[in-house]
Protein backbone atom coordinates (compact mmCIF):
# COMPACT_ATOMS: atom_id res chain seq x y z
CA MET A 1 -13.84 -48.50 -66.70
CA LYS A 2 -15.14 -46.81 -64.23
CA LEU A 3 -14.91 -48.18 -60.45
CA LEU A 4 -16.53 -47.17 -57.78
CA LEU A 5 -15.26 -48.21 -54.07
CA ASP A 6 -17.99 -48.84 -51.51
CA GLN A 7 -17.60 -47.34 -48.16
CA ASN A 8 -16.03 -50.56 -46.48
CA ILE A 9 -12.70 -49.64 -48.83
CA SER A 10 -11.03 -47.06 -47.97
CA HIS A 11 -10.61 -43.85 -50.52
CA ARG A 12 -7.10 -44.16 -49.80
CA VAL A 13 -6.86 -47.06 -52.12
CA VAL A 14 -7.96 -44.82 -54.95
CA LYS A 15 -4.86 -43.08 -55.09
CA LEU A 16 -2.98 -46.40 -55.22
CA ILE A 17 -4.79 -47.97 -58.33
CA GLU A 18 -5.30 -44.76 -60.17
CA GLN A 19 -2.30 -45.71 -62.41
CA HIS A 20 -4.13 -48.72 -63.39
CA PHE A 21 -7.70 -47.74 -62.84
CA PRO A 22 -7.94 -43.97 -63.77
CA PHE A 23 -11.67 -43.47 -63.34
CA ALA A 24 -11.69 -45.36 -60.11
CA SER A 25 -13.43 -43.15 -57.58
CA SER A 26 -14.69 -43.73 -53.91
CA VAL A 27 -17.93 -43.22 -52.06
CA LYS A 28 -15.97 -40.33 -50.34
CA GLN A 29 -14.83 -38.78 -53.49
CA GLU A 30 -18.68 -39.17 -54.78
CA GLU A 31 -19.82 -37.28 -51.64
CA LEU A 32 -21.96 -40.36 -50.67
CA THR A 33 -20.17 -40.82 -47.20
CA ASP A 34 -23.61 -41.46 -45.67
CA ALA A 35 -25.46 -42.47 -48.07
CA ASN A 36 -27.30 -45.88 -47.82
CA ASP A 37 -26.28 -49.17 -50.11
CA VAL A 38 -29.51 -48.36 -52.13
CA THR A 39 -28.46 -44.23 -52.90
CA VAL A 40 -25.02 -45.93 -53.74
CA TRP A 41 -26.03 -48.11 -56.26
CA GLN A 42 -27.87 -45.83 -57.57
CA HIS A 43 -25.51 -43.50 -58.25
CA ALA A 44 -23.22 -46.10 -59.46
CA LYS A 45 -26.10 -47.13 -62.36
CA GLN A 46 -26.41 -43.47 -62.80
CA ASN A 47 -22.74 -42.97 -63.50
CA GLY A 48 -21.43 -46.04 -65.72
CA PHE A 49 -19.53 -47.39 -62.65
CA ALA A 50 -19.01 -51.12 -61.34
CA ILE A 51 -19.17 -51.26 -57.59
CA VAL A 52 -15.89 -52.72 -55.64
CA THR A 53 -17.44 -54.17 -52.21
CA PHE A 54 -15.97 -56.50 -49.25
CA ASP A 55 -19.64 -57.13 -48.15
CA GLU A 56 -22.91 -58.69 -49.86
CA ASP A 57 -25.28 -56.37 -49.54
CA PHE A 58 -24.57 -54.57 -53.29
CA PHE A 59 -25.14 -58.43 -54.23
CA ASN A 60 -28.28 -59.05 -52.26
CA ILE A 61 -29.79 -55.36 -53.92
CA GLN A 62 -28.56 -56.44 -57.68
CA MET A 63 -30.84 -60.04 -57.27
CA ALA A 64 -33.84 -57.85 -56.74
CA LYS A 65 -32.96 -54.90 -59.15
CA GLY A 66 -30.87 -56.48 -62.10
CA PHE A 67 -27.72 -54.79 -63.23
CA PRO A 68 -26.04 -52.76 -64.04
CA PRO A 69 -24.17 -51.79 -62.38
CA LYS A 70 -21.85 -54.38 -61.94
CA ILE A 71 -20.43 -55.89 -59.04
CA ILE A 72 -16.75 -56.59 -58.07
CA TRP A 73 -17.29 -58.46 -54.48
CA PHE A 74 -14.23 -59.22 -52.60
CA LYS A 75 -14.06 -62.33 -50.75
CA THR A 76 -10.82 -61.26 -49.02
CA GLY A 77 -11.39 -60.91 -45.44
CA ASN A 78 -9.79 -58.18 -43.88
CA ILE A 79 -6.71 -56.89 -45.73
CA SER A 80 -4.74 -53.51 -45.63
CA ASN A 81 -5.35 -50.51 -47.95
CA LYS A 82 -1.92 -51.67 -49.60
CA GLN A 83 -2.76 -55.27 -50.53
CA ALA A 84 -6.15 -54.41 -51.57
CA ALA A 85 -4.56 -52.29 -53.96
CA ASP A 86 -2.32 -54.63 -54.76
CA PHE A 87 -5.22 -57.29 -55.65
CA LEU A 88 -7.20 -55.06 -57.17
CA ILE A 89 -4.21 -54.73 -59.75
CA ALA A 90 -3.16 -57.98 -59.73
CA GLN A 91 -6.98 -58.62 -61.33
CA LYS A 92 -7.31 -55.76 -63.71
CA ASP A 93 -7.34 -58.08 -66.47
CA MET A 94 -10.04 -60.42 -65.26
CA ILE A 95 -11.81 -56.85 -63.87
CA THR A 96 -11.63 -55.65 -67.47
CA SER A 97 -13.51 -58.39 -68.99
CA PHE A 98 -15.84 -58.73 -66.45
CA ILE A 99 -17.02 -55.09 -67.17
CA SER A 100 -16.61 -54.78 -70.99
CA ASP A 101 -16.15 -58.52 -72.66
CA GLU A 102 -19.14 -59.54 -74.46
CA ALA A 103 -18.68 -62.92 -72.75
CA TYR A 104 -19.72 -61.42 -69.11
CA HIS A 105 -22.33 -59.38 -70.92
CA ASN A 106 -24.68 -61.39 -68.80
CA GLU A 107 -22.82 -61.71 -65.49
CA GLY A 108 -23.81 -59.22 -63.17
CA CYS A 109 -21.33 -60.19 -60.29
CA LEU A 110 -17.82 -61.14 -59.88
CA GLU A 111 -16.96 -62.72 -57.14
CA LEU A 112 -12.93 -62.46 -56.21
CA PHE A 113 -11.07 -64.57 -53.70
CA LEU A 114 -8.00 -64.17 -51.95
CA LEU A 115 -6.00 -67.33 -50.96
CA SER A 116 -3.50 -67.23 -48.23
CA PRO A 117 -0.47 -69.24 -49.01
CA LYS A 118 -0.21 -72.62 -46.23
């Protein structure tokens, strides 16, 4: 399973999740730092990545162009790199199922919410 972390998620998160997601990469590592979202989307599609993002831009592209790539949309608000890594790791089973399970074959976007304790 290949994850591509969008520009809005620090490339440092890759190091924090590599044990759980060994094929994760970032826009920076893929030399796409200054690329627009459509270019990143095309790169993900051509290279078998699912895009992990905090914003709706890739969802909007997917609505126009379809999928792959699949989108994993974090709806967490501002969180630290460690929190982002911990959240990805905690959601590993769901992410793995979403990307590879036949039950999610027709689903292009997984929205993940981080609920704060009351």
